[in-house]
């Protein structure tokens, strides 16, 4: 007897494919740099940015990919175990990045390109950190079309700029270079040190100002005391003159 459809075991969509996130530190640094900068760039917007997250485009099918970075506009940021497209209003990630590792083959990368093309990706960028190069494909009427040359290019969706001269660099729309995690930590430390120094200077200046104010008060108090002594001495002299029969107020 066949099992009724209502009693069938629900399909499980694993949140992990058992593959390592990165093969080496160079690949990892690029992945972290791209995800971190895009999240900062798109913060506060209805955009979901994730790294190495499984994307299932079709319900009831375990066919999936785990882009090194995916960007889905019109989707809220937040936690996902995986990106199940049917639970995301049918929205496919519009932009994906892959960072090459030594184990990737040309056939594998061609299959990924065709997969992303099939499932609606609008922009696909492949970073080769070993050759310091990037390759890009942008969707047109025929599918994902290669962008050439790619020594300087601006992403239509993200507005980020790819530049290659002596090295490959990515820039935000306002011209800031994409940073590694270590770069970001160093900037934060330098900013905190700068803030601490400004606070130290402000505290020192405040202390010096307080000391000047206290000195001014002391001088004012001394001047007032001196005037009071002079007034008392004059009054004593007037008393003595009167006792001697002399009118101190007489002309």
C-alpha atoms as a PDB file:
ATOM      1  CA  UNK A   1       0.000   0.000   0.000  1.00  0.00           C
ATOM      2  CA  UNK A   2       1.364   3.439  -0.898  1.00  0.00           C
ATOM      3  CA  UNK A   3       1.784   6.076   1.778  1.00  0.00           C
ATOM      4  CA  UNK A   4      -0.829   8.880   1.593  1.00  0.00           C
ATOM      5  CA  UNK A   5       0.632  12.208   0.466  1.00  0.00           C
ATOM      6  CA  UNK A   6      -0.439  13.876   3.719  1.00  0.00           C
ATOM      7  CA  UNK A   7       1.572  11.328   5.697  1.00  0.00           C
ATOM      8  CA  UNK A   8       4.714  11.601   3.556  1.00  0.00           C
ATOM      9  CA  UNK A   9       7.903  12.613   5.342  1.00  0.00           C
ATOM     10  CA  UNK A  10       8.571  16.337   4.767  1.00  0.00           C
ATOM     11  CA  UNK A  11      11.642  17.092   2.688  1.00  0.00           C
ATOM     12  CA  UNK A  12      14.533  18.330   4.777  1.00  0.00           C
ATOM     13  CA  UNK A  13      16.636  21.161   3.360  1.00  0.00           C
ATOM     14  CA  UNK A  14      20.038  20.927   5.076  1.00  0.00           C
ATOM     15  CA  UNK A  15      21.662  24.156   6.265  1.00  0.00           C
ATOM     16  CA  UNK A  16      25.112  22.745   5.535  1.00  0.00           C
ATOM     17  CA  UNK A  17      26.633  20.970   2.556  1.00  0.00           C
ATOM     18  CA  UNK A  18      29.578  19.654   4.562  1.00  0.00           C
ATOM     19  CA  UNK A  19      32.040  21.728   2.541  1.00  0.00           C
ATOM     20  CA  UNK A  20      34.571  24.073   4.187  1.00  0.00           C
ATOM     21  CA  UNK A  21      33.768  27.762   4.103  1.00  0.00           C
ATOM     22  CA  UNK A  22      37.186  28.577   2.668  1.00  0.00           C
ATOM     23  CA  UNK A  23      40.330  26.683   1.670  1.00  0.00           C
ATOM     24  CA  UNK A  24      42.827  29.256   2.915  1.00  0.00           C
ATOM     25  CA  UNK A  25      43.188  32.633   4.591  1.00  0.00           C
ATOM     26  CA  UNK A  26      43.437  34.598   1.334  1.00  0.00           C
ATOM     27  CA  UNK A  27      40.085  33.288   0.131  1.00  0.00           C
ATOM     28  CA  UNK A  28      38.568  33.791   3.583  1.00  0.00           C
ATOM     29  CA  UNK A  29      39.821  37.384   3.837  1.00  0.00           C
ATOM     30  CA  UNK A  30      38.178  38.249   0.521  1.00  0.00           C
ATOM     31  CA  UNK A  31      34.900  36.616   1.549  1.00  0.00           C
ATOM     32  CA  UNK A  32      34.806  38.444   4.881  1.00  0.00           C
ATOM     33  CA  UNK A  33      35.803  41.723   3.224  1.00  0.00           C
ATOM     34  CA  UNK A  34      33.015  41.544   0.629  1.00  0.00           C
ATOM     35  CA  UNK A  35      30.274  40.455   3.030  1.00  0.00           C
ATOM     36  CA  UNK A  36      31.301  42.931   5.723  1.00  0.00           C
ATOM     37  CA  UNK A  37      31.536  45.926   3.416  1.00  0.00           C
ATOM     38  CA  UNK A  38      28.253  45.147   1.639  1.00  0.00           C
ATOM     39  CA  UNK A  39      26.432  44.773   4.942  1.00  0.00           C
ATOM     40  CA  UNK A  40      27.793  48.130   6.092  1.00  0.00           C
ATOM     41  CA  UNK A  41      26.997  49.733   2.738  1.00  0.00           C
ATOM     42  CA  UNK A  42      23.416  48.434   2.694  1.00  0.00           C
ATOM     43  CA  UNK A  43      22.672  48.735   6.421  1.00  0.00           C
ATOM     44  CA  UNK A  44      19.202  50.043   7.177  1.00  0.00           C
ATOM     45  CA  UNK A  45      17.788  48.931   3.830  1.00  0.00           C
ATOM     46  CA  UNK A  46      15.554  46.002   2.919  1.00  0.00           C
ATOM     47  CA  UNK A  47      18.497  43.981   1.648  1.00  0.00           C
ATOM     48  CA  UNK A  48      19.703  40.575   2.810  1.00  0.00           C
ATOM     49  CA  UNK A  49      23.452  39.925   2.554  1.00  0.00           C
ATOM     50  CA  UNK A  50      24.989  36.573   3.472  1.00  0.00           C
ATOM     51  CA  UNK A  51      28.174  34.616   2.984  1.00  0.00           C
ATOM     52  CA  UNK A  52      28.467  30.897   2.203  1.00  0.00           C
ATOM     53  CA  UNK A  53      24.726  30.360   2.712  1.00  0.00           C
ATOM     54  CA  UNK A  54      22.902  27.556   0.920  1.00  0.00           C
ATOM     55  CA  UNK A  55      20.355  28.856  -1.599  1.00  0.00           C
ATOM     56  CA  UNK A  56      17.471  26.545  -2.542  1.00  0.00           C
ATOM     57  CA  UNK A  57      15.596  28.059  -5.501  1.00  0.00           C
ATOM     58  CA  UNK A  58      12.803  25.479  -5.818  1.00  0.00           C
ATOM     59  CA  UNK A  59      10.575  23.914  -3.182  1.00  0.00           C
ATOM     60  CA  UNK A  60      10.650  20.129  -3.234  1.00  0.00           C
ATOM     61  CA  UNK A  61      14.073  20.062  -4.855  1.00  0.00           C
ATOM     62  CA  UNK A  62      17.438  19.799  -3.107  1.00  0.00           C
ATOM     63  CA  UNK A  63      19.320  21.442  -5.972  1.00  0.00           C
ATOM     64  CA  UNK A  64      21.266  24.292  -4.384  1.00  0.00           C
ATOM     65  CA  UNK A  65      24.368  26.469  -4.401  1.00  0.00           C
ATOM     66  CA  UNK A  66      26.233  28.272  -1.623  1.00  0.00           C
ATOM     67  CA  UNK A  67      27.612  31.508  -3.108  1.00  0.00           C
ATOM     68  CA  UNK A  68      30.511  33.005  -1.207  1.00  0.00           C
ATOM     69  CA  UNK A  69      28.333  36.133  -1.056  1.00  0.00           C
ATOM     70  CA  UNK A  70      24.718  36.622  -2.033  1.00  0.00           C
ATOM     71  CA  UNK A  71      22.716  39.839  -2.052  1.00  0.00           C
ATOM     72  CA  UNK A  72      18.910  39.782  -2.159  1.00  0.00           C
ATOM     73  CA  UNK A  73      17.201  43.147  -2.529  1.00  0.00           C
ATOM     74  CA  UNK A  74      13.646  43.611  -1.184  1.00  0.00           C
ATOM     75  CA  UNK A  75      14.295  40.968   1.479  1.00  0.00           C
ATOM     76  CA  UNK A  76      14.735  41.835   5.168  1.00  0.00           C
ATOM     77  CA  UNK A  77      18.112  41.322   6.818  1.00  0.00           C
ATOM     78  CA  UNK A  78      18.338  38.858   9.672  1.00  0.00           C
ATOM     79  CA  UNK A  79      18.928  35.227  10.509  1.00  0.00           C
ATOM     80  CA  UNK A  80      18.592  32.470   7.914  1.00  0.00           C
ATOM     81  CA  UNK A  81      19.672  28.842   8.197  1.00  0.00           C
ATOM     82  CA  UNK A  82      19.486  28.756   4.410  1.00  0.00           C
ATOM     83  CA  UNK A  83      17.886  30.872   1.699  1.00  0.00           C
ATOM     84  CA  UNK A  84      14.684  29.091   0.619  1.00  0.00           C
ATOM     85  CA  UNK A  85      13.468  31.177  -2.266  1.00  0.00           C
ATOM     86  CA  UNK A  86       9.798  30.176  -1.966  1.00  0.00           C
ATOM     87  CA  UNK A  87       9.846  31.505   1.610  1.00  0.00           C
ATOM     88  CA  UNK A  88      11.380  34.782   0.389  1.00  0.00           C
ATOM     89  CA  UNK A  89       8.499  35.875  -1.814  1.00  0.00           C
ATOM     90  CA  UNK A  90      10.061  34.061  -4.749  1.00  0.00           C
ATOM     91  CA  UNK A  91      12.885  36.613  -4.832  1.00  0.00           C
ATOM     92  CA  UNK A  92      16.145  35.242  -6.203  1.00  0.00           C
ATOM     93  CA  UNK A  93      19.381  36.876  -5.022  1.00  0.00           C
ATOM     94  CA  UNK A  94      20.162  39.512  -7.614  1.00  0.00           C
ATOM     95  CA  UNK A  95      23.925  39.622  -7.018  1.00  0.00           C
ATOM     96  CA  UNK A  96      26.342  36.811  -6.151  1.00  0.00           C
ATOM     97  CA  UNK A  97      30.101  36.639  -5.660  1.00  0.00           C
ATOM     98  CA  UNK A  98      32.412  33.654  -5.815  1.00  0.00           C
ATOM     99  CA  UNK A  99      36.019  33.754  -4.595  1.00  0.00           C
ATOM    100  CA  UNK A 100      38.215  31.184  -6.283  1.00  0.00           C
ATOM    101  CA  UNK A 101      40.046  28.563  -4.254  1.00  0.00           C
ATOM    102  CA  UNK A 102      42.873  26.324  -5.526  1.00  0.00           C
ATOM    103  CA  UNK A 103      40.460  23.374  -5.618  1.00  0.00           C
ATOM    104  CA  UNK A 104      37.986  25.019  -8.016  1.00  0.00           C
ATOM    105  CA  UNK A 105      38.047  23.749 -11.605  1.00  0.00           C
ATOM    106  CA  UNK A 106      37.049  25.541 -14.790  1.00  0.00           C
ATOM    107  CA  UNK A 107      34.219  23.042 -15.367  1.00  0.00           C
ATOM    108  CA  UNK A 108      32.920  23.661 -11.846  1.00  0.00           C
ATOM    109  CA  UNK A 109      32.925  27.431 -12.319  1.00  0.00           C
ATOM    110  CA  UNK A 110      31.210  27.126 -15.730  1.00  0.00           C
ATOM    111  CA  UNK A 111      28.482  25.016 -14.109  1.00  0.00           C
ATOM    112  CA  UNK A 112      28.032  27.650 -11.386  1.00  0.00           C
ATOM    113  CA  UNK A 113      27.743  30.395 -13.994  1.00  0.00           C
ATOM    114  CA  UNK A 114      25.031  28.451 -15.854  1.00  0.00           C
ATOM    115  CA  UNK A 115      23.248  27.695 -12.563  1.00  0.00           C
ATOM    116  CA  UNK A 116      23.184  31.346 -11.524  1.00  0.00           C
ATOM    117  CA  UNK A 117      22.023  32.307 -15.004  1.00  0.00           C
ATOM    118  CA  UNK A 118      19.220  29.734 -14.884  1.00  0.00           C
ATOM    119  CA  UNK A 119      17.963  30.881 -11.482  1.00  0.00           C
ATOM    120  CA  UNK A 120      17.701  34.599 -12.149  1.00  0.00           C
ATOM    121  CA  UNK A 121      20.919  36.177 -10.874  1.00  0.00           C
ATOM    122  CA  UNK A 122      21.361  39.648 -12.394  1.00  0.00           C
ATOM    123  CA  UNK A 123      25.050  40.164 -11.600  1.00  0.00           C
ATOM    124  CA  UNK A 124      27.710  37.526 -10.990  1.00  0.00           C
ATOM    125  CA  UNK A 125      31.267  38.386  -9.955  1.00  0.00           C
ATOM    126  CA  UNK A 126      34.173  35.957  -9.767  1.00  0.00           C
ATOM    127  CA  UNK A 127      37.189  37.044  -7.716  1.00  0.00           C
ATOM    128  CA  UNK A 128      40.553  35.405  -8.388  1.00  0.00           C
ATOM    129  CA  UNK A 129      42.650  36.461  -5.376  1.00  0.00           C
ATOM    130  CA  UNK A 130      45.747  34.610  -6.591  1.00  0.00           C
ATOM    131  CA  UNK A 131      45.978  36.453  -9.923  1.00  0.00           C
ATOM    132  CA  UNK A 132      44.463  39.637  -8.431  1.00  0.00           C
ATOM    133  CA  UNK A 133      41.727  39.689 -11.047  1.00  0.00           C
ATOM    134  CA  UNK A 134      37.948  39.867 -11.183  1.00  0.00           C
ATOM    135  CA  UNK A 135      35.475  38.754 -13.829  1.00  0.00           C
ATOM    136  CA  UNK A 136      31.901  39.907 -14.163  1.00  0.00           C
ATOM    137  CA  UNK A 137      28.674  38.895 -15.855  1.00  0.00           C
ATOM    138  CA  UNK A 138      25.591  41.113 -16.042  1.00  0.00           C
ATOM    139  CA  UNK A 139      22.202  39.959 -17.262  1.00  0.00           C
ATOM    140  CA  UNK A 140      20.930  41.149 -20.623  1.00  0.00           C
ATOM    141  CA  UNK A 141      18.216  39.852 -22.967  1.00  0.00           C
ATOM    142  CA  UNK A 142      20.211  36.683 -23.632  1.00  0.00           C
ATOM    143  CA  UNK A 143      21.252  35.827 -20.073  1.00  0.00           C
ATOM    144  CA  UNK A 144      24.399  36.563 -18.085  1.00  0.00           C
ATOM    145  CA  UNK A 145      26.807  38.292 -20.459  1.00  0.00           C
ATOM    146  CA  UNK A 146      30.483  38.708 -19.668  1.00  0.00           C
ATOM    147  CA  UNK A 147      31.768  42.212 -18.973  1.00  0.00           C
ATOM    148  CA  UNK A 148      35.044  43.059 -20.705  1.00  0.00           C
ATOM    149  CA  UNK A 149      37.414  44.653 -20.076  1.00  0.00           C
ATOM    150  CA  UNK A 150      37.088  44.394 -16.338  1.00  0.00           C
ATOM    151  CA  UNK A 151      39.984  46.553 -15.132  1.00  0.00           C
ATOM    152  CA  UNK A 152      37.491  49.205 -14.019  1.00  0.00           C
ATOM    153  CA  UNK A 153      33.788  48.510 -13.665  1.00  0.00           C
ATOM    154  CA  UNK A 154      30.845  49.743 -11.584  1.00  0.00           C
ATOM    155  CA  UNK A 155      28.160  47.298 -10.456  1.00  0.00           C
ATOM    156  CA  UNK A 156      24.750  48.479 -11.735  1.00  0.00           C
ATOM    157  CA  UNK A 157      22.963  47.139  -8.649  1.00  0.00           C
ATOM    158  CA  UNK A 158      25.444  47.854  -5.876  1.00  0.00           C
ATOM    159  CA  UNK A 159      27.259  50.900  -7.195  1.00  0.00           C
ATOM    160  CA  UNK A 160      30.574  49.439  -6.011  1.00  0.00           C
ATOM    161  CA  UNK A 161      33.620  49.907  -8.218  1.00  0.00           C
ATOM    162  CA  UNK A 162      36.129  47.257  -9.253  1.00  0.00           C
ATOM    163  CA  UNK A 163      39.612  48.577 -10.077  1.00  0.00           C
ATOM    164  CA  UNK A 164      42.630  46.594 -11.197  1.00  0.00           C
ATOM    165  CA  UNK A 165      46.049  48.155 -11.774  1.00  0.00           C
ATOM    166  CA  UNK A 166      48.884  46.697  -9.725  1.00  0.00           C
ATOM    167  CA  UNK A 167      46.294  44.937  -7.549  1.00  0.00           C
ATOM    168  CA  UNK A 168      42.582  44.245  -7.430  1.00  0.00           C
ATOM    169  CA  UNK A 169      40.644  46.678  -5.288  1.00  0.00           C
ATOM    170  CA  UNK A 170      36.947  47.254  -4.616  1.00  0.00           C
ATOM    171  CA  UNK A 171      35.497  50.620  -3.612  1.00  0.00           C
ATOM    172  CA  UNK A 172      32.192  51.696  -2.124  1.00  0.00           C
ATOM    173  CA  UNK A 173      30.128  54.309  -4.021  1.00  0.00           C
ATOM    174  CA  UNK A 174      31.601  57.053  -1.803  1.00  0.00           C
ATOM    175  CA  UNK A 175      35.143  56.004  -2.721  1.00  0.00           C
ATOM    176  CA  UNK A 176      36.164  54.049   0.378  1.00  0.00           C
ATOM    177  CA  UNK A 177      38.307  50.991  -0.283  1.00  0.00           C
ATOM    178  CA  UNK A 178      36.919  47.618   0.825  1.00  0.00           C
ATOM    179  CA  UNK A 179      38.692  46.586   4.025  1.00  0.00           C
ATOM    180  CA  UNK A 180      39.680  43.273   5.555  1.00  0.00           C
ATOM    181  CA  UNK A 181      38.536  42.395   9.054  1.00  0.00           C
ATOM    182  CA  UNK A 182      41.985  43.352  10.349  1.00  0.00           C
ATOM    183  CA  UNK A 183      41.775  46.710   8.549  1.00  0.00           C
ATOM    184  CA  UNK A 184      38.410  47.391  10.144  1.00  0.00           C
ATOM    185  CA  UNK A 185      39.669  46.423  13.621  1.00  0.00           C
ATOM    186  CA  UNK A 186      42.733  48.636  13.150  1.00  0.00           C
ATOM    187  CA  UNK A 187      40.517  51.570  12.114  1.00  0.00           C
ATOM    188  CA  UNK A 188      38.269  51.039  15.132  1.00  0.00           C
ATOM    189  CA  UNK A 189      41.282  50.884  17.470  1.00  0.00           C
ATOM    190  CA  UNK A 190      42.739  54.038  15.915  1.00  0.00           C
ATOM    191  CA  UNK A 191      39.377  55.784  16.224  1.00  0.00           C
ATOM    192  CA  UNK A 192      39.072  54.742  19.874  1.00  0.00           C
ATOM    193  CA  UNK A 193      42.640  55.870  20.540  1.00  0.00           C
ATOM    194  CA  UNK A 194      41.863  59.189  18.845  1.00  0.00           C
ATOM    195  CA  UNK A 195      38.717  59.571  20.933  1.00  0.00           C
ATOM    196  CA  UNK A 196      40.666  58.752  24.096  1.00  0.00           C
ATOM    197  CA  UNK A 197      43.329  61.324  23.203  1.00  0.00           C
ATOM    198  CA  UNK A 198      40.686  63.972  22.522  1.00  0.00           C
ATOM    199  CA  UNK A 199      39.055  63.118  25.836  1.00  0.00           C
ATOM    200  CA  UNK A 200      42.435  63.373  27.566  1.00  0.00           C
ATOM    201  CA  UNK A 201      43.067  66.770  25.959  1.00  0.00           C
ATOM    202  CA  UNK A 202      39.571  67.941  26.842  1.00  0.00           C
ATOM    203  CA  UNK A 203      39.978  66.738  30.423  1.00  0.00           C
ATOM    204  CA  UNK A 204      43.377  68.421  30.666  1.00  0.00           C
ATOM    205  CA  UNK A 205      42.028  71.648  29.198  1.00  0.00           C
ATOM    206  CA  UNK A 206      39.053  71.495  31.553  1.00  0.00           C
ATOM    207  CA  UNK A 207      41.410  70.976  34.494  1.00  0.00           C
ATOM    208  CA  UNK A 208      43.567  73.895  33.400  1.00  0.00           C
ATOM    209  CA  UNK A 209      40.469  76.056  32.989  1.00  0.00           C
ATOM    210  CA  UNK A 210      39.268  75.062  36.456  1.00  0.00           C
ATOM    211  CA  UNK A 211      42.693  75.923  37.873  1.00  0.00           C
ATOM    212  CA  UNK A 212      42.629  79.325  36.155  1.00  0.00           C
ATOM    213  CA  UNK A 213      39.127  79.947  37.475  1.00  0.00           C
ATOM    214  CA  UNK A 214      40.224  78.934  40.989  1.00  0.00           C
ATOM    215  CA  UNK A 215      43.260  81.225  40.747  1.00  0.00           C
ATOM    216  CA  UNK A 216      41.022  84.083  39.612  1.00  0.00           C
ATOM    217  CA  UNK A 217      38.720  83.445  42.565  1.00  0.00           C
ATOM    218  CA  UNK A 218      41.697  83.431  44.955  1.00  0.00           C
ATOM    219  CA  UNK A 219      42.957  86.722  43.522  1.00  0.00           C
ATOM    220  CA  UNK A 220      39.472  88.234  43.790  1.00  0.00           C
ATOM    221  CA  UNK A 221      39.166  87.025  47.398  1.00  0.00           C
ATOM    222  CA  UNK A 222      42.596  88.453  48.245  1.00  0.00           C
ATOM    223  CA  UNK A 223      41.707  91.795  46.644  1.00  0.00           C
ATOM    224  CA  UNK A 224      38.435  91.906  48.566  1.00  0.00           C
ATOM    225  CA  UNK A 225      40.236  91.061  51.816  1.00  0.00           C
ATOM    226  CA  UNK A 226      42.825  93.765  51.159  1.00  0.00           C
ATOM    227  CA  UNK A 227      40.085  96.333  50.549  1.00  0.00           C
ATOM    228  CA  UNK A 228      38.378  95.262  53.757  1.00  0.00           C
ATOM    229  CA  UNK A 229      41.625  95.644  55.717  1.00  0.00           C
ATOM    230  CA  UNK A 230      42.193  99.089  54.248  1.00  0.00           C
ATOM    231  CA  UNK A 231      38.623 100.098  55.081  1.00  0.00           C
ATOM    232  CA  UNK A 232      38.995  98.841  58.672  1.00  0.00           C
ATOM    233  CA  UNK A 233      42.326 100.665  59.072  1.00  0.00           C
ATOM    234  CA  UNK A 234      40.773 103.896  57.812  1.00  0.00           C
ATOM    235  CA  UNK A 235      37.855 103.507  60.222  1.00  0.00           C
ATOM    236  CA  UNK A 236      40.222 102.942  63.143  1.00  0.00           C
ATOM    237  CA  UNK A 237      42.131 106.094  62.174  1.00  0.00           C
ATOM    238  CA  UNK A 238      38.890 108.095  62.089  1.00  0.00           C
ATOM    239  CA  UNK A 239      38.005 106.824  65.573  1.00  0.00           C
ATOM    240  CA  UNK A 240      41.420 107.862  66.926  1.00  0.00           C
ATOM    241  CA  UNK A 241      41.165 111.323  65.340  1.00  0.00           C
ATOM    242  CA  UNK A 242      37.758 111.905  66.889  1.00  0.00           C
ATOM    243  CA  UNK A 243      39.111 110.812  70.293  1.00  0.00           C
ATOM    244  CA  UNK A 244      41.843 113.424  69.907  1.00  0.00           C
ATOM    245  CA  UNK A 245      39.230 116.078  69.181  1.00  0.00           C
ATOM    246  CA  UNK A 246      39.952 116.192  65.513  1.00  0.00           C
ATOM    247  CA  UNK A 247      37.101 115.947  63.033  1.00  0.00           C
ATOM    248  CA  UNK A 248      38.300 113.632  60.262  1.00  0.00           C
ATOM    249  CA  UNK A 249      35.564 114.926  57.966  1.00  0.00           C
ATOM    250  CA  UNK A 250      36.536 118.549  58.319  1.00  0.00           C
ATOM    251  CA  UNK A 251      37.956 120.089  55.184  1.00  0.00           C
END
